[in-house]
Protein backbone atom coordinates (compact mmCIF):
# COMPACT_ATOMS: atom_id res chain seq x y z
CA UNK A 1 15.61 18.40 4.25
CA UNK A 2 18.48 17.83 1.85
CA UNK A 3 18.83 15.37 -1.02
CA UNK A 4 21.07 13.14 1.11
CA UNK A 5 18.43 13.11 3.86
CA UNK A 6 15.75 12.22 1.33
CA UNK A 7 17.80 9.33 -0.04
CA UNK A 8 18.69 7.93 3.38
CA UNK A 9 15.15 8.16 4.79
CA UNK A 10 13.71 6.62 1.63
CA UNK A 11 16.21 3.74 1.83
CA UNK A 12 15.41 3.19 5.52
CA UNK A 13 11.65 3.23 4.90
CA UNK A 14 11.99 0.79 1.99
CA UNK A 15 13.98 -1.52 4.28
CA UNK A 16 11.17 -1.24 6.85
CA UNK A 17 8.62 -2.18 4.18
CA UNK A 18 10.66 -5.31 3.39
CA UNK A 19 10.91 -6.16 7.10
CA UNK A 20 7.14 -5.80 7.51
CA UNK A 21 6.61 -8.03 4.46
CA UNK A 22 8.94 -10.68 5.90
CA UNK A 23 7.01 -10.53 9.18
CA UNK A 24 3.72 -11.00 7.32
CA UNK A 25 5.17 -14.01 5.48
CA UNK A 26 5.99 -15.76 8.76
CA UNK A 27 2.27 -15.76 9.59
CA UNK A 28 1.43 -17.70 6.44
CA UNK A 29 1.60 -21.42 7.10
CA UNK A 30 3.75 -23.75 5.05
CA UNK A 31 3.89 -27.53 5.26
CA UNK A 32 6.56 -27.34 7.98
CA UNK A 33 6.06 -26.33 11.58
CA UNK A 34 7.49 -23.03 12.75
CA UNK A 35 7.29 -21.48 16.25
CA UNK A 36 6.41 -18.15 14.60
CA UNK A 37 3.16 -19.70 13.39
CA UNK A 38 1.55 -19.17 16.81
CA UNK A 39 2.68 -15.53 17.16
CA UNK A 40 -0.75 -14.27 16.13
CA UNK A 41 -2.62 -16.40 18.70
CA UNK A 42 -3.52 -14.52 21.88
CA UNK A 43 -4.41 -16.07 25.25
CA UNK A 44 -6.59 -14.66 28.03
CA UNK A 45 -4.12 -14.12 30.88
CA UNK A 46 -5.87 -12.73 33.97
CA UNK A 47 -8.14 -10.47 31.95
CA UNK A 48 -5.71 -9.29 29.28
CA UNK A 49 -4.93 -10.85 25.91
CA UNK A 50 -1.26 -11.77 25.49
CA UNK A 51 0.56 -13.55 22.66
CA UNK A 52 1.31 -17.20 23.40
CA UNK A 53 5.05 -16.42 23.40
CA UNK A 54 4.56 -14.34 26.57
CA UNK A 55 2.83 -17.06 28.59
CA UNK A 56 4.49 -20.22 27.27
CA UNK A 57 7.57 -21.59 25.56
CA UNK A 58 6.86 -22.52 21.92
CA UNK A 59 9.33 -24.89 20.24
CA UNK A 60 9.59 -27.58 17.58
CA UNK A 61 9.27 -31.27 18.41
CA UNK A 62 9.76 -32.31 14.79
CA UNK A 63 9.16 -30.83 11.33
CA UNK A 64 5.38 -31.19 11.62
CA UNK A 65 4.75 -30.75 15.37
CA UNK A 66 5.00 -27.77 17.71
CA UNK A 67 5.25 -28.06 21.46
CA UNK A 68 3.84 -25.45 23.81
CA UNK A 69 5.05 -25.52 27.41
CA UNK A 70 2.98 -23.14 29.64
CA UNK A 71 4.88 -21.31 32.35
CA UNK A 72 1.98 -21.66 34.81
CA UNK A 73 0.06 -24.83 35.64
CA UNK A 74 -3.45 -23.41 35.04
CA UNK A 75 -2.72 -21.91 31.63
CA UNK A 76 -2.68 -25.19 29.65
CA UNK A 77 -6.43 -25.33 29.01
CA UNK A 78 -6.61 -21.63 28.08
CA UNK A 79 -3.70 -21.95 25.63
CA UNK A 80 -5.21 -25.07 24.11
CA UNK A 81 -8.57 -23.30 23.65
CA UNK A 82 -6.90 -20.23 22.11
CA UNK A 83 -5.03 -22.36 19.57
CA UNK A 84 -8.17 -24.33 18.72
CA UNK A 85 -10.24 -21.13 18.32
CA UNK A 86 -7.65 -19.43 16.10
CA UNK A 87 -8.19 -19.44 12.34
CA UNK A 88 -5.08 -21.59 11.79
CA UNK A 89 -7.02 -24.88 11.65
CA UNK A 90 -4.87 -26.55 14.32
CA UNK A 91 -6.00 -29.17 16.84
CA UNK A 92 -3.75 -29.19 19.94
CA UNK A 93 -3.53 -32.17 22.29
CA UNK A 94 -2.49 -32.02 25.96
CA UNK A 95 0.04 -34.45 27.36
CA UNK A 96 0.35 -33.48 31.00
CA UNK A 97 2.01 -30.05 31.14
CA UNK A 98 3.01 -30.17 27.47
CA UNK A 99 0.67 -29.22 24.63
CA UNK A 100 1.46 -30.88 21.28
CA UNK A 101 0.24 -29.07 18.15
CA UNK A 102 0.48 -31.33 15.09
CA UNK A 103 0.22 -29.58 11.72
CA UNK A 104 -2.12 -31.44 9.39
CA UNK A 105 -1.05 -31.96 5.80
CA UNK A 106 -2.44 -29.28 3.49
CA UNK A 107 -4.57 -30.12 0.48
CA UNK A 108 -3.51 -29.00 -3.00
CA UNK A 109 -6.38 -26.50 -3.06
CA UNK A 110 -5.29 -24.96 0.25
CA UNK A 111 -1.70 -24.69 -1.02
CA UNK A 112 -2.91 -22.80 -4.09
CA UNK A 113 -4.97 -20.43 -1.92
CA UNK A 114 -1.91 -19.72 0.22
CA UNK A 115 0.28 -19.02 -2.83
CA UNK A 116 -2.34 -16.50 -4.01
CA UNK A 117 -2.23 -14.91 -0.56
CA UNK A 118 1.59 -14.73 -0.69
CA UNK A 119 1.46 -13.07 -4.13
CA UNK A 120 -1.10 -10.54 -2.90
CA UNK A 121 1.08 -9.73 0.15
CA UNK A 122 4.04 -9.33 -2.20
CA UNK A 123 2.09 -6.98 -4.43
CA UNK A 124 1.15 -4.91 -1.37
CA UNK A 125 4.82 -4.65 -0.41
CA UNK A 126 5.74 -3.59 -3.96
CA UNK A 127 3.05 -0.90 -3.87
CA UNK A 128 4.46 0.38 -0.57
CA UNK A 129 7.99 0.56 -2.03
CA UNK A 130 6.75 2.33 -5.17
CA UNK A 131 4.81 4.88 -3.15
CA UNK A 132 7.96 5.59 -1.14
CA UNK A 133 9.78 6.17 -4.45
CA UNK A 134 7.05 8.58 -5.55
CA UNK A 135 7.21 10.50 -2.27
CA UNK A 136 11.01 10.77 -2.50
CA UNK A 137 10.87 12.02 -6.09
CA UNK A 138 8.27 14.63 -5.13
CA UNK A 139 10.48 15.74 -2.25
CA UNK A 140 13.45 16.16 -4.60
CA UNK A 141 11.34 18.12 -7.09
CA UNK A 142 10.26 20.37 -4.25
CA UNK A 143 13.92 21.02 -3.35
CA UNK A 144 14.67 21.93 -6.98
CA UNK A 145 11.67 24.25 -7.09
CA UNK A 146 12.89 25.99 -3.92
CA UNK A 147 16.36 26.36 -5.53
CA UNK A 148 17.98 24.17 -2.85
CA UNK A 149 19.18 21.65 -5.44
CA UNK A 150 20.03 21.69 -9.15
CA UNK A 151 18.22 19.81 -11.90
CA UNK A 152 21.31 17.64 -12.38
CA UNK A 153 21.09 16.65 -8.71
CA UNK A 154 17.42 15.87 -9.25
CA UNK A 155 18.12 13.54 -12.20
CA UNK A 156 20.98 11.82 -10.38
CA UNK A 157 18.94 11.37 -7.20
CA UNK A 158 15.89 10.08 -9.07
CA UNK A 159 18.12 7.50 -10.81
CA UNK A 160 19.58 6.39 -7.46
CA UNK A 161 16.12 6.15 -5.90
CA UNK A 162 14.96 4.09 -8.90
CA UNK A 163 17.91 1.71 -8.44
CA UNK A 164 17.03 1.29 -4.75
CA UNK A 165 13.40 0.66 -5.71
CA UNK A 166 14.42 -1.95 -8.27
CA UNK A 167 16.63 -3.71 -5.69
CA UNK A 168 13.78 -3.86 -3.19
CA UNK A 169 11.29 -5.10 -5.81
CA UNK A 170 13.70 -7.90 -6.77
CA UNK A 171 14.09 -8.83 -3.10
CA UNK A 172 10.30 -8.97 -2.70
CA UNK A 173 10.02 -11.20 -5.78
CA UNK A 174 12.69 -13.53 -4.36
CA UNK A 175 10.90 -13.75 -1.00
CA UNK A 176 7.58 -14.50 -2.73
CA UNK A 177 9.19 -17.22 -4.88
CA UNK A 178 10.87 -18.82 -1.85
CA UNK A 179 7.65 -18.80 0.18
CA UNK A 180 5.67 -20.26 -2.73
CA UNK A 181 8.27 -23.00 -3.05
CA UNK A 182 7.95 -23.78 0.69
CA UNK A 183 4.16 -23.91 0.46
CA UNK A 184 4.06 -26.13 -2.62
CA UNK A 185 6.70 -28.57 -1.26
CA UNK A 186 4.93 -31.70 -0.10
């Protein structure tokens, strides 16, 4: 592995860490409805558990209400039960074939709990990025030790990896701040 390979794989893995963090943030509920909120809910579909998105169409009715339209007639009750049993605290209501999922207003205490959760997720993402930086620096040191790269290359590469790390940390901080703002907005 060369220094260029190390830099590119580190950059790609840091980008993946950011993408995973963004995905985790979509699971955390804000005051507004989002179809991604139900991605973690799984429904019993003929003996196998499938995400709701694979057995129904999830969309927004308004800013505080989701609509779930099952693709099969008999799935409505199962989807409704899965949403009710999930840990999201939602209470769906059937209206014929359509299932309405109103999002209740969150209390101030619940909002504060969610902001703590967002910060903890952000810290986990930062730790992942920093460990990628450490692994890349160790890889470069190994190349220098094996005489495949010079010490000047090592210093330059470590500086570039640090810059990439700093960029990703700033991006994580911005995502955390934006999510906290969404949660605290009434």
